[in-house]
Amino acid sequence: MLKGISPVISPDLIKVLMEMGHGDELVIADGNFPSASIAQRSLAPPAHPARTDCAGQVAGVVRADGLGCPVLVERFAFYERAKKAYAVLATSEMALYANIILKKGVIKA
């Protein structure tokens, strides 16, 4: 048993996170995102919807800027980047364009 791990993080998600290398990306997708047709690896949705929030604003189609708040990315550019992602985690989030890409790596101090 793993202690201190949120029940929202499924065993499949933990496995994918462990398999990912530095620079690999994980898409956390809303319920409207075409996960099945885009994902190389698709994960089952967690028990709770995903929410993204930065400075009190709900993010749209986003990518991390590496330093702080997410920044907007055009819809089809996001799809192309998502096709290259290591995995897509499909959530049940119903907010429009509530998608985010996370990159695994080390932050330079």
PDB file of N, CA and C in Angstrom:
ATOM      1  N   MET A   1       0.845  -1.179   0.000  1.00  0.00           N
ATOM      2  CA  MET A   1       0.000   0.000   0.000  1.00  0.00           C
ATOM      3  C   MET A   1       0.888   1.239   0.000  1.00  0.00           C
ATOM      4  N   LEU A   2       0.566   2.194  -0.864  1.00  0.00           N
ATOM      5  CA  LEU A   2       1.267   3.466  -0.896  1.00  0.00           C
ATOM      6  C   LEU A   2       0.506   4.454  -0.033  1.00  0.00           C
ATOM      7  N   LYS A   3       1.194   5.059   0.914  1.00  0.00           N
ATOM      8  CA  LYS A   3       0.554   6.026   1.804  1.00  0.00           C
ATOM      9  C   LYS A   3       0.812   7.432   1.296  1.00  0.00           C
ATOM     10  N   GLY A   4      -0.163   8.307   1.479  1.00  0.00           N
ATOM     11  CA  GLY A   4      -0.008   9.698   1.098  1.00  0.00           C
ATOM     12  C   GLY A   4      -0.260   9.977  -0.378  1.00  0.00           C
ATOM     13  N   ILE A   5      -0.704   8.978  -1.144  1.00  0.00           N
ATOM     14  CA  ILE A   5      -1.021   9.166  -2.557  1.00  0.00           C
ATOM     15  C   ILE A   5      -2.522   9.402  -2.672  1.00  0.00           C
ATOM     16  N   SER A   6      -2.904  10.485  -3.336  1.00  0.00           N
ATOM     17  CA  SER A   6      -4.317  10.807  -3.508  1.00  0.00           C
ATOM     18  C   SER A   6      -5.029   9.693  -4.263  1.00  0.00           C
ATOM     19  N   PRO A   7      -6.258   9.364  -3.877  1.00  0.00           N
ATOM     20  CA  PRO A   7      -7.017   8.347  -4.605  1.00  0.00           C
ATOM     21  C   PRO A   7      -7.369   8.788  -6.029  1.00  0.00           C
ATOM     22  N   VAL A   8      -7.203  10.065  -6.343  1.00  0.00           N
ATOM     23  CA  VAL A   8      -7.434  10.570  -7.697  1.00  0.00           C
ATOM     24  C   VAL A   8      -6.354  10.045  -8.643  1.00  0.00           C
ATOM     25  N   ILE A   9      -5.169   9.742  -8.096  1.00  0.00           N
ATOM     26  CA  ILE A   9      -4.065   9.234  -8.910  1.00  0.00           C
ATOM     27  C   ILE A   9      -4.179   7.714  -8.958  1.00  0.00           C
ATOM     28  N   SER A  10      -4.571   7.212 -10.114  1.00  0.00           N
ATOM     29  CA  SER A  10      -4.805   5.780 -10.284  1.00  0.00           C
ATOM     30  C   SER A  10      -3.488   5.016 -10.390  1.00  0.00           C
ATOM     31  N   PRO A  11      -3.515   3.706 -10.158  1.00  0.00           N
ATOM     32  CA  PRO A  11      -2.308   2.890 -10.357  1.00  0.00           C
ATOM     33  C   PRO A  11      -1.756   3.001 -11.778  1.00  0.00           C
ATOM     34  N   ASP A  12      -2.645   3.079 -12.772  1.00  0.00           N
ATOM     35  CA  ASP A  12      -2.190   3.233 -14.162  1.00  0.00           C
ATOM     36  C   ASP A  12      -1.443   4.555 -14.361  1.00  0.00           C
ATOM     37  N   LEU A  13      -1.928   5.627 -13.728  1.00  0.00           N
ATOM     38  CA  LEU A  13      -1.266   6.918 -13.840  1.00  0.00           C
ATOM     39  C   LEU A  13       0.101   6.885 -13.159  1.00  0.00           C
ATOM     40  N   ILE A  14       0.194   6.271 -11.993  1.00  0.00           N
ATOM     41  CA  ILE A  14       1.489   6.143 -11.314  1.00  0.00           C
ATOM     42  C   ILE A  14       2.474   5.387 -12.195  1.00  0.00           C
ATOM     43  N   LYS A  15       2.020   4.325 -12.830  1.00  0.00           N
ATOM     44  CA  LYS A  15       2.878   3.538 -13.722  1.00  0.00           C
ATOM     45  C   LYS A  15       3.391   4.390 -14.873  1.00  0.00           C
ATOM     46  N   VAL A  16       2.502   5.136 -15.505  1.00  0.00           N
ATOM     47  CA  VAL A  16       2.894   5.996 -16.630  1.00  0.00           C
ATOM     48  C   VAL A  16       3.889   7.056 -16.171  1.00  0.00           C
ATOM     49  N   LEU A  17       3.631   7.684 -15.024  1.00  0.00           N
ATOM     50  CA  LEU A  17       4.547   8.700 -14.513  1.00  0.00           C
ATOM     51  C   LEU A  17       5.935   8.131 -14.249  1.00  0.00           C
ATOM     52  N   MET A  18       5.989   6.889 -13.772  1.00  0.00           N
ATOM     53  CA  MET A  18       7.281   6.235 -13.527  1.00  0.00           C
ATOM     54  C   MET A  18       7.989   5.886 -14.829  1.00  0.00           C
ATOM     55  N   GLU A  19       7.246   5.522 -15.854  1.00  0.00           N
ATOM     56  CA  GLU A  19       7.820   5.150 -17.148  1.00  0.00           C
ATOM     57  C   GLU A  19       8.338   6.362 -17.926  1.00  0.00           C
ATOM     58  N   MET A  20       7.714   7.515 -17.719  1.00  0.00           N
ATOM     59  CA  MET A  20       8.090   8.714 -18.470  1.00  0.00           C
ATOM     60  C   MET A  20       9.519   9.127 -18.150  1.00  0.00           C
ATOM     61  N   GLY A  21      10.209   9.615 -19.161  1.00  0.00           N
ATOM     62  CA  GLY A  21      11.550  10.144 -18.973  1.00  0.00           C
ATOM     63  C   GLY A  21      11.532  11.660 -18.967  1.00  0.00           C
ATOM     64  N   HIS A  22      12.683  12.264 -18.679  1.00  0.00           N
ATOM     65  CA  HIS A  22      12.787  13.724 -18.697  1.00  0.00           C
ATOM     66  C   HIS A  22      12.456  14.241 -20.094  1.00  0.00           C
ATOM     67  N   GLY A  23      11.576  15.215 -20.137  1.00  0.00           N
ATOM     68  CA  GLY A  23      11.154  15.789 -21.410  1.00  0.00           C
ATOM     69  C   GLY A  23       9.880  15.190 -21.965  1.00  0.00           C
ATOM     70  N   ASP A  24       9.466  14.025 -21.460  1.00  0.00           N
ATOM     71  CA  ASP A  24       8.200  13.438 -21.903  1.00  0.00           C
ATOM     72  C   ASP A  24       7.038  14.279 -21.386  1.00  0.00           C
ATOM     73  N   GLU A  25       5.940  14.266 -22.147  1.00  0.00           N
ATOM     74  CA  GLU A  25       4.786  15.080 -21.788  1.00  0.00           C
ATOM     75  C   GLU A  25       3.549  14.225 -21.520  1.00  0.00           C
ATOM     76  N   LEU A  26       2.731  14.717 -20.595  1.00  0.00           N
ATOM     77  CA  LEU A  26       1.458  14.093 -20.243  1.00  0.00           C
ATOM     78  C   LEU A  26       0.366  15.116 -20.496  1.00  0.00           C
ATOM     79  N   VAL A  27      -0.642  14.732 -21.264  1.00  0.00           N
ATOM     80  CA  VAL A  27      -1.796  15.600 -21.510  1.00  0.00           C
ATOM     81  C   VAL A  27      -2.876  15.232 -20.499  1.00  0.00           C
ATOM     82  N   ILE A  28      -3.383  16.221 -19.795  1.00  0.00           N
ATOM     83  CA  ILE A  28      -4.557  16.028 -18.949  1.00  0.00           C
ATOM     84  C   ILE A  28      -5.692  16.692 -19.714  1.00  0.00           C
ATOM     85  N   ALA A  29      -6.616  15.863 -20.200  1.00  0.00           N
ATOM     86  CA  ALA A  29      -7.629  16.320 -21.152  1.00  0.00           C
ATOM     87  C   ALA A  29      -9.019  16.381 -20.542  1.00  0.00           C
ATOM     88  N   ASP A  30      -9.798  17.334 -21.035  1.00  0.00           N
ATOM     89  CA  ASP A  30     -11.189  17.441 -20.588  1.00  0.00           C
ATOM     90  C   ASP A  30     -12.053  16.380 -21.261  1.00  0.00           C
ATOM     91  N   GLY A  31     -13.304  16.319 -20.875  1.00  0.00           N
ATOM     92  CA  GLY A  31     -14.214  15.310 -21.397  1.00  0.00           C
ATOM     93  C   GLY A  31     -14.552  15.455 -22.862  1.00  0.00           C
ATOM     94  N   ASN A  32     -14.262  16.617 -23.461  1.00  0.00           N
ATOM     95  CA  ASN A  32     -14.550  16.846 -24.872  1.00  0.00           C
ATOM     96  C   ASN A  32     -13.349  16.596 -25.778  1.00  0.00           C
ATOM     97  N   PHE A  33     -12.185  16.359 -25.211  1.00  0.00           N
ATOM     98  CA  PHE A  33     -10.961  16.172 -25.988  1.00  0.00           C
ATOM     99  C   PHE A  33     -10.982  14.807 -26.685  1.00  0.00           C
ATOM    100  N   PRO A  34     -10.561  14.728 -27.950  1.00  0.00           N
ATOM    101  CA  PRO A  34     -10.588  13.447 -28.680  1.00  0.00           C
ATOM    102  C   PRO A  34      -9.437  12.515 -28.270  1.00  0.00           C
ATOM    103  N   SER A  35      -9.427  12.117 -27.013  1.00  0.00           N
ATOM    104  CA  SER A  35      -8.329  11.318 -26.446  1.00  0.00           C
ATOM    105  C   SER A  35      -8.072  10.021 -27.197  1.00  0.00           C
ATOM    106  N   ALA A  36      -9.113   9.287 -27.493  1.00  0.00           N
ATOM    107  CA  ALA A  36      -8.947   7.970 -28.120  1.00  0.00           C
ATOM    108  C   ALA A  36      -8.297   8.059 -29.488  1.00  0.00           C
ATOM    109  N   SER A  37      -8.592   9.113 -30.244  1.00  0.00           N
ATOM    110  CA  SER A  37      -8.028   9.214 -31.591  1.00  0.00           C
ATOM    111  C   SER A  37      -6.655   9.883 -31.619  1.00  0.00           C
ATOM    112  N   ILE A  38      -6.262  10.536 -30.536  1.00  0.00           N
ATOM    113  CA  ILE A  38      -4.987  11.247 -30.509  1.00  0.00           C
ATOM    114  C   ILE A  38      -3.921  10.522 -29.691  1.00  0.00           C
ATOM    115  N   ALA A  39      -4.312   9.876 -28.620  1.00  0.00           N
ATOM    116  CA  ALA A  39      -3.348   9.340 -27.641  1.00  0.00           C
ATOM    117  C   ALA A  39      -2.546   8.146 -28.149  1.00  0.00           C
ATOM    118  N   GLN A  40      -1.249   8.162 -27.830  1.00  0.00           N
ATOM    119  CA  GLN A  40      -0.422   6.967 -28.008  1.00  0.00           C
ATOM    120  C   GLN A  40      -0.766   5.973 -26.899  1.00  0.00           C
ATOM    121  N   ARG A  41      -0.944   6.513 -25.695  1.00  0.00           N
ATOM    122  CA  ARG A  41      -1.371   5.752 -24.529  1.00  0.00           C
ATOM    123  C   ARG A  41      -2.501   6.539 -23.880  1.00  0.00           C
ATOM    124  N   SER A  42      -3.631   5.914 -23.681  1.00  0.00           N
ATOM    125  CA  SER A  42      -4.770   6.589 -23.077  1.00  0.00           C
ATOM    126  C   SER A  42      -5.031   5.989 -21.707  1.00  0.00           C
ATOM    127  N   LEU A  43      -5.239   6.853 -20.731  1.00  0.00           N
ATOM    128  CA  LEU A  43      -5.511   6.416 -19.365  1.00  0.00           C
ATOM    129  C   LEU A  43      -6.970   6.657 -19.029  1.00  0.00           C
ATOM    130  N   ALA A  44      -7.513   5.785 -18.201  1.00  0.00           N
ATOM    131  CA  ALA A  44      -8.895   5.930 -17.760  1.00  0.00           C
ATOM    132  C   ALA A  44      -9.027   7.188 -16.915  1.00  0.00           C
ATOM    133  N   PRO A  45     -10.193   7.806 -16.956  1.00  0.00           N
ATOM    134  CA  PRO A  45     -10.380   9.030 -16.177  1.00  0.00           C
ATOM    135  C   PRO A  45     -10.321   8.765 -14.675  1.00  0.00           C
ATOM    136  N   PRO A  46      -9.802   9.735 -13.909  1.00  0.00           N
ATOM    137  CA  PRO A  46      -9.797   9.592 -12.452  1.00  0.00           C
ATOM    138  C   PRO A  46     -11.201   9.776 -11.898  1.00  0.00           C
ATOM    139  N   ALA A  47     -11.333   9.619 -10.620  1.00  0.00           N
ATOM    140  CA  ALA A  47     -12.636   9.709  -9.967  1.00  0.00           C
ATOM    141  C   ALA A  47     -13.190  11.130  -9.936  1.00  0.00           C
ATOM    142  N   HIS A  48     -12.320  12.127 -10.113  1.00  0.00           N
ATOM    143  CA  HIS A  48     -12.738  13.520 -10.009  1.00  0.00           C
ATOM    144  C   HIS A  48     -12.380  14.275 -11.280  1.00  0.00           C
ATOM    145  N   PRO A  49     -13.157  15.327 -11.617  1.00  0.00           N
ATOM    146  CA  PRO A  49     -12.773  16.143 -12.771  1.00  0.00           C
ATOM    147  C   PRO A  49     -11.488  16.911 -12.482  1.00  0.00           C
ATOM    148  N   ALA A  50     -10.745  17.233 -13.537  1.00  0.00           N
ATOM    149  CA  ALA A  50      -9.525  18.028 -13.393  1.00  0.00           C
ATOM    150  C   ALA A  50      -9.893  19.494 -13.474  1.00  0.00           C
ATOM    151  N   ARG A  51      -9.250  20.316 -12.699  1.00  0.00           N
ATOM    152  CA  ARG A  51      -9.467  21.764 -12.749  1.00  0.00           C
ATOM    153  C   ARG A  51      -8.113  22.439 -12.888  1.00  0.00           C
ATOM    154  N   THR A  52      -8.044  23.435 -13.756  1.00  0.00           N
ATOM    155  CA  THR A  52      -6.838  24.234 -13.878  1.00  0.00           C
ATOM    156  C   THR A  52      -7.190  25.650 -13.490  1.00  0.00           C
ATOM    157  N   ASP A  53      -6.349  26.291 -12.705  1.00  0.00           N
ATOM    158  CA  ASP A  53      -6.604  27.642 -12.250  1.00  0.00           C
ATOM    159  C   ASP A  53      -5.270  28.351 -12.074  1.00  0.00           C
ATOM    160  N   CYS A  54      -5.178  29.559 -12.545  1.00  0.00           N
ATOM    161  CA  CYS A  54      -3.960  30.349 -12.399  1.00  0.00           C
ATOM    162  C   CYS A  54      -4.369  31.791 -12.155  1.00  0.00           C
ATOM    163  N   ALA A  55      -4.023  32.303 -11.009  1.00  0.00           N
ATOM    164  CA  ALA A  55      -4.349  33.683 -10.632  1.00  0.00           C
ATOM    165  C   ALA A  55      -5.853  33.948 -10.731  1.00  0.00           C
ATOM    166  N   GLY A  56      -6.643  32.955 -10.338  1.00  0.00           N
ATOM    167  CA  GLY A  56      -8.084  33.127 -10.324  1.00  0.00           C
ATOM    168  C   GLY A  56      -8.767  32.965 -11.663  1.00  0.00           C
ATOM    169  N   GLN A  57      -8.028  32.625 -12.721  1.00  0.00           N
ATOM    170  CA  GLN A  57      -8.619  32.471 -14.042  1.00  0.00           C
ATOM    171  C   GLN A  57      -8.587  31.005 -14.448  1.00  0.00           C
ATOM    172  N   VAL A  58      -9.667  30.529 -15.041  1.00  0.00           N
ATOM    173  CA  VAL A  58      -9.683  29.166 -15.564  1.00  0.00           C
ATOM    174  C   VAL A  58      -8.939  29.179 -16.895  1.00  0.00           C
ATOM    175  N   ALA A  59      -7.972  28.273 -17.089  1.00  0.00           N
ATOM    176  CA  ALA A  59      -7.175  28.240 -18.319  1.00  0.00           C
ATOM    177  C   ALA A  59      -7.967  27.670 -19.465  1.00  0.00           C
ATOM    178  N   GLY A  60      -7.619  28.037 -20.707  1.00  0.00           N
ATOM    179  CA  GLY A  60      -8.232  27.493 -21.909  1.00  0.00           C
ATOM    180  C   GLY A  60      -7.378  26.345 -22.406  1.00  0.00           C
ATOM    181  N   VAL A  61      -7.177  26.228 -23.714  1.00  0.00           N
ATOM    182  CA  VAL A  61      -6.258  25.243 -24.262  1.00  0.00           C
ATOM    183  C   VAL A  61      -4.878  25.767 -23.924  1.00  0.00           C
ATOM    184  N   VAL A  62      -4.107  25.003 -23.161  1.00  0.00           N
ATOM    185  CA  VAL A  62      -2.894  25.569 -22.559  1.00  0.00           C
ATOM    186  C   VAL A  62      -1.661  24.717 -22.764  1.00  0.00           C
ATOM    187  N   ARG A  63      -0.519  25.342 -22.571  1.00  0.00           N
ATOM    188  CA  ARG A  63       0.749  24.655 -22.427  1.00  0.00           C
ATOM    189  C   ARG A  63       1.490  25.382 -21.319  1.00  0.00           C
ATOM    190  N   ALA A  64       2.321  24.685 -20.581  1.00  0.00           N
ATOM    191  CA  ALA A  64       3.067  25.318 -19.509  1.00  0.00           C
ATOM    192  C   ALA A  64       4.165  26.168 -20.103  1.00  0.00           C
ATOM    193  N   ASP A  65       4.383  27.363 -19.557  1.00  0.00           N
ATOM    194  CA  ASP A  65       5.458  28.203 -20.078  1.00  0.00           C
ATOM    195  C   ASP A  65       6.779  27.918 -19.379  1.00  0.00           C
ATOM    196  N   GLY A  66       6.787  26.995 -18.438  1.00  0.00           N
ATOM    197  CA  GLY A  66       8.010  26.605 -17.753  1.00  0.00           C
ATOM    198  C   GLY A  66       8.322  27.458 -16.540  1.00  0.00           C
ATOM    199  N   LEU A  67       7.636  28.554 -16.374  1.00  0.00           N
ATOM    200  CA  LEU A  67       7.956  29.458 -15.281  1.00  0.00           C
ATOM    201  C   LEU A  67       6.788  29.763 -14.366  1.00  0.00           C
ATOM    202  N   GLY A  68       5.583  29.731 -14.867  1.00  0.00           N
ATOM    203  CA  GLY A  68       4.458  30.144 -14.043  1.00  0.00           C
ATOM    204  C   GLY A  68       3.149  29.719 -14.636  1.00  0.00           C
ATOM    205  N   CYS A  69       2.314  30.697 -14.932  1.00  0.00           N
ATOM    206  CA  CYS A  69       0.982  30.429 -15.454  1.00  0.00           C
ATOM    207  C   CYS A  69       1.031  29.768 -16.823  1.00  0.00           C
ATOM    208  N   PRO A  70       0.020  28.963 -17.116  1.00  0.00           N
ATOM    209  CA  PRO A  70      -0.105  28.400 -18.462  1.00  0.00           C
ATOM    210  C   PRO A  70      -0.366  29.506 -19.482  1.00  0.00           C
ATOM    211  N   VAL A  71      -0.077  29.227 -20.735  1.00  0.00           N
ATOM    212  CA  VAL A  71      -0.342  30.170 -21.821  1.00  0.00           C
ATOM    213  C   VAL A  71      -1.199  29.491 -22.874  1.00  0.00           C
ATOM    214  N   LEU A  72      -1.980  30.273 -23.589  1.00  0.00           N
ATOM    215  CA  LEU A  72      -2.892  29.726 -24.591  1.00  0.00           C
ATOM    216  C   LEU A  72      -2.151  29.203 -25.815  1.00  0.00           C
ATOM    217  N   VAL A  73      -2.675  28.125 -26.377  1.00  0.00           N
ATOM    218  CA  VAL A  73      -2.162  27.530 -27.606  1.00  0.00           C
ATOM    219  C   VAL A  73      -3.362  27.306 -28.520  1.00  0.00           C
ATOM    220  N   GLU A  74      -3.189  27.578 -29.801  1.00  0.00           N
ATOM    221  CA  GLU A  74      -4.264  27.366 -30.772  1.00  0.00           C
ATOM    222  C   GLU A  74      -4.689  25.893 -30.741  1.00  0.00           C
ATOM    223  N   ARG A  75      -5.979  25.658 -30.925  1.00  0.00           N
ATOM    224  CA  ARG A  75      -6.580  24.331 -30.774  1.00  0.00           C
ATOM    225  C   ARG A  75      -5.865  23.237 -31.563  1.00  0.00           C
ATOM    226  N   PHE A  76      -5.656  23.425 -32.860  1.00  0.00           N
ATOM    227  CA  PHE A  76      -5.069  22.370 -33.678  1.00  0.00           C
ATOM    228  C   PHE A  76      -3.572  22.216 -33.420  1.00  0.00           C
ATOM    229  N   ALA A  77      -2.910  23.283 -33.004  1.00  0.00           N
ATOM    230  CA  ALA A  77      -1.504  23.181 -32.588  1.00  0.00           C
ATOM    231  C   ALA A  77      -1.408  22.339 -31.315  1.00  0.00           C
ATOM    232  N   PHE A  78      -2.390  22.499 -30.429  1.00  0.00           N
ATOM    233  CA  PHE A  78      -2.435  21.689 -29.209  1.00  0.00           C
ATOM    234  C   PHE A  78      -2.622  20.213 -29.566  1.00  0.00           C
ATOM    235  N   TYR A  79      -3.527  19.927 -30.513  1.00  0.00           N
ATOM    236  CA  TYR A  79      -3.761  18.543 -30.933  1.00  0.00           C
ATOM    237  C   TYR A  79      -2.482  17.912 -31.481  1.00  0.00           C
ATOM    238  N   GLU A  80      -1.740  18.659 -32.295  1.00  0.00           N
ATOM    239  CA  GLU A  80      -0.501  18.129 -32.867  1.00  0.00           C
ATOM    240  C   GLU A  80       0.521  17.830 -31.778  1.00  0.00           C
ATOM    241  N   ARG A  81       0.624  18.709 -30.798  1.00  0.00           N
ATOM    242  CA  ARG A  81       1.550  18.463 -29.686  1.00  0.00           C
ATOM    243  C   ARG A  81       1.078  17.280 -28.850  1.00  0.00           C
ATOM    244  N   ALA A  82      -0.229  17.167 -28.651  1.00  0.00           N
ATOM    245  CA  ALA A  82      -0.783  16.065 -27.862  1.00  0.00           C
ATOM    246  C   ALA A  82      -0.514  14.713 -28.513  1.00  0.00           C
ATOM    247  N   LYS A  83      -0.473  14.669 -29.860  1.00  0.00           N
ATOM    248  CA  LYS A  83      -0.188  13.416 -30.564  1.00  0.00           C
ATOM    249  C   LYS A  83       1.204  12.885 -30.234  1.00  0.00           C
ATOM    250  N   LYS A  84       2.115  13.790 -29.874  1.00  0.00           N
ATOM    251  CA  LYS A  84       3.488  13.409 -29.551  1.00  0.00           C
ATOM    252  C   LYS A  84       3.686  13.124 -28.064  1.00  0.00           C
ATOM    253  N   ALA A  85       2.661  13.383 -27.262  1.00  0.00           N
ATOM    254  CA  ALA A  85       2.765  13.193 -25.811  1.00  0.00           C
ATOM    255  C   ALA A  85       2.918  11.720 -25.464  1.00  0.00           C
ATOM    256  N   TYR A  86       3.565  11.457 -24.353  1.00  0.00           N
ATOM    257  CA  TYR A  86       3.759  10.086 -23.886  1.00  0.00           C
ATOM    258  C   TYR A  86       2.415   9.425 -23.599  1.00  0.00           C
ATOM    259  N   ALA A  87       1.491  10.186 -22.984  1.00  0.00           N
ATOM    260  CA  ALA A  87       0.176   9.633 -22.640  1.00  0.00           C
ATOM    261  C   ALA A  87      -0.849  10.755 -22.529  1.00  0.00           C
ATOM    262  N   VAL A  88      -2.113  10.374 -22.631  1.00  0.00           N
ATOM    263  CA  VAL A  88      -3.227  11.299 -22.430  1.00  0.00           C
ATOM    264  C   VAL A  88      -4.108  10.745 -21.312  1.00  0.00           C
ATOM    265  N   LEU A  89      -4.328  11.566 -20.293  1.00  0.00           N
ATOM    266  CA  LEU A  89      -5.220  11.213 -19.194  1.00  0.00           C
ATOM    267  C   LEU A  89      -6.556  11.887 -19.474  1.00  0.00           C
ATOM    268  N   ALA A  90      -7.552  11.100 -19.837  1.00  0.00           N
ATOM    269  CA  ALA A  90      -8.880  11.628 -20.157  1.00  0.00           C
ATOM    270  C   ALA A  90      -9.666  11.796 -18.864  1.00  0.00           C
ATOM    271  N   THR A  91     -10.099  13.020 -18.586  1.00  0.00           N
ATOM    272  CA  THR A  91     -10.890  13.275 -17.378  1.00  0.00           C
ATOM    273  C   THR A  91     -12.352  13.467 -17.754  1.00  0.00           C
ATOM    274  N   SER A  92     -13.177  13.665 -16.764  1.00  0.00           N
ATOM    275  CA  SER A  92     -14.592  13.930 -17.001  1.00  0.00           C
ATOM    276  C   SER A  92     -14.908  15.424 -16.889  1.00  0.00           C
ATOM    277  N   GLU A  93     -13.874  16.256 -16.882  1.00  0.00           N
ATOM    278  CA  GLU A  93     -14.062  17.706 -16.795  1.00  0.00           C
ATOM    279  C   GLU A  93     -14.915  18.199 -17.953  1.00  0.00           C
ATOM    280  N   MET A  94     -15.933  19.007 -17.670  1.00  0.00           N
ATOM    281  CA  MET A  94     -16.832  19.479 -18.712  1.00  0.00           C
ATOM    282  C   MET A  94     -16.591  20.931 -19.112  1.00  0.00           C
ATOM    283  N   ALA A  95     -15.679  21.633 -18.447  1.00  0.00           N
ATOM    284  CA  ALA A  95     -15.342  22.992 -18.882  1.00  0.00           C
ATOM    285  C   ALA A  95     -14.710  22.907 -20.270  1.00  0.00           C
ATOM    286  N   LEU A  96     -15.065  23.842 -21.151  1.00  0.00           N
ATOM    287  CA  LEU A  96     -14.523  23.826 -22.506  1.00  0.00           C
ATOM    288  C   LEU A  96     -13.043  24.190 -22.498  1.00  0.00           C
ATOM    289  N   TYR A  97     -12.276  23.500 -23.303  1.00  0.00           N
ATOM    290  CA  TYR A  97     -10.844  23.744 -23.467  1.00  0.00           C
ATOM    291  C   TYR A  97     -10.078  23.688 -22.146  1.00  0.00           C
ATOM    292  N   ALA A  98     -10.445  22.784 -21.272  1.00  0.00           N
ATOM    293  CA  ALA A  98      -9.763  22.618 -19.984  1.00  0.00           C
ATOM    294  C   ALA A  98      -8.687  21.538 -20.110  1.00  0.00           C
ATOM    295  N   ASN A  99      -7.761  21.750 -21.040  1.00  0.00           N
ATOM    296  CA  ASN A  99      -6.692  20.790 -21.319  1.00  0.00           C
ATOM    297  C   ASN A  99      -5.358  21.392 -20.926  1.00  0.00           C
ATOM    298  N   ILE A 100      -4.445  20.545 -20.487  1.00  0.00           N
ATOM    299  CA  ILE A 100      -3.125  21.017 -20.083  1.00  0.00           C
ATOM    300  C   ILE A 100      -2.089  19.970 -20.458  1.00  0.00           C
ATOM    301  N   ILE A 101      -0.904  20.422 -20.791  1.00  0.00           N
ATOM    302  CA  ILE A 101       0.213  19.514 -21.059  1.00  0.00           C
ATOM    303  C   ILE A 101       1.255  19.755 -19.972  1.00  0.00           C
ATOM    304  N   LEU A 102       1.655  18.664 -19.325  1.00  0.00           N
ATOM    305  CA  LEU A 102       2.700  18.723 -18.314  1.00  0.00           C
ATOM    306  C   LEU A 102       3.951  18.041 -18.851  1.00  0.00           C
ATOM    307  N   LYS A 103       5.102  18.657 -18.633  1.00  0.00           N
ATOM    308  CA  LYS A 103       6.368  18.087 -19.085  1.00  0.00           C
ATOM    309  C   LYS A 103       7.153  17.621 -17.869  1.00  0.00           C
ATOM    310  N   LYS A 104       7.644  16.374 -17.917  1.00  0.00           N
ATOM    311  CA  LYS A 104       8.446  15.833 -16.826  1.00  0.00           C
ATOM    312  C   LYS A 104       9.888  16.283 -17.007  1.00  0.00           C
ATOM    313  N   GLY A 105      10.485  16.746 -15.936  1.00  0.00           N
ATOM    314  CA  GLY A 105      11.861  17.181 -16.037  1.00  0.00           C
ATOM    315  C   GLY A 105      12.348  17.828 -14.752  1.00  0.00           C
ATOM    316  N   VAL A 106      13.477  18.450 -14.872  1.00  0.00           N
ATOM    317  CA  VAL A 106      14.115  19.125 -13.731  1.00  0.00           C
ATOM    318  C   VAL A 106      14.057  20.619 -13.975  1.00  0.00           C
ATOM    319  N   ILE A 107      13.677  21.357 -12.955  1.00  0.00           N
ATOM    320  CA  ILE A 107      13.643  22.816 -13.043  1.00  0.00           C
ATOM    321  C   ILE A 107      14.998  23.346 -12.620  1.00  0.00           C
ATOM    322  N   LYS A 108      15.603  24.164 -13.484  1.00  0.00           N
ATOM    323  CA  LYS A 108      16.897  24.752 -13.167  1.00  0.00           C
ATOM    324  C   LYS A 108      16.715  25.825 -12.103  1.00  0.00           C
ATOM    325  N   ALA A 109      17.569  25.786 -11.094  1.00  0.00           N
ATOM    326  CA  ALA A 109      17.472  26.761 -10.005  1.00  0.00           C
ATOM    327  C   ALA A 109      18.226  28.027 -10.328  1.00  0.00           C
TER     328      ALA A 109
END
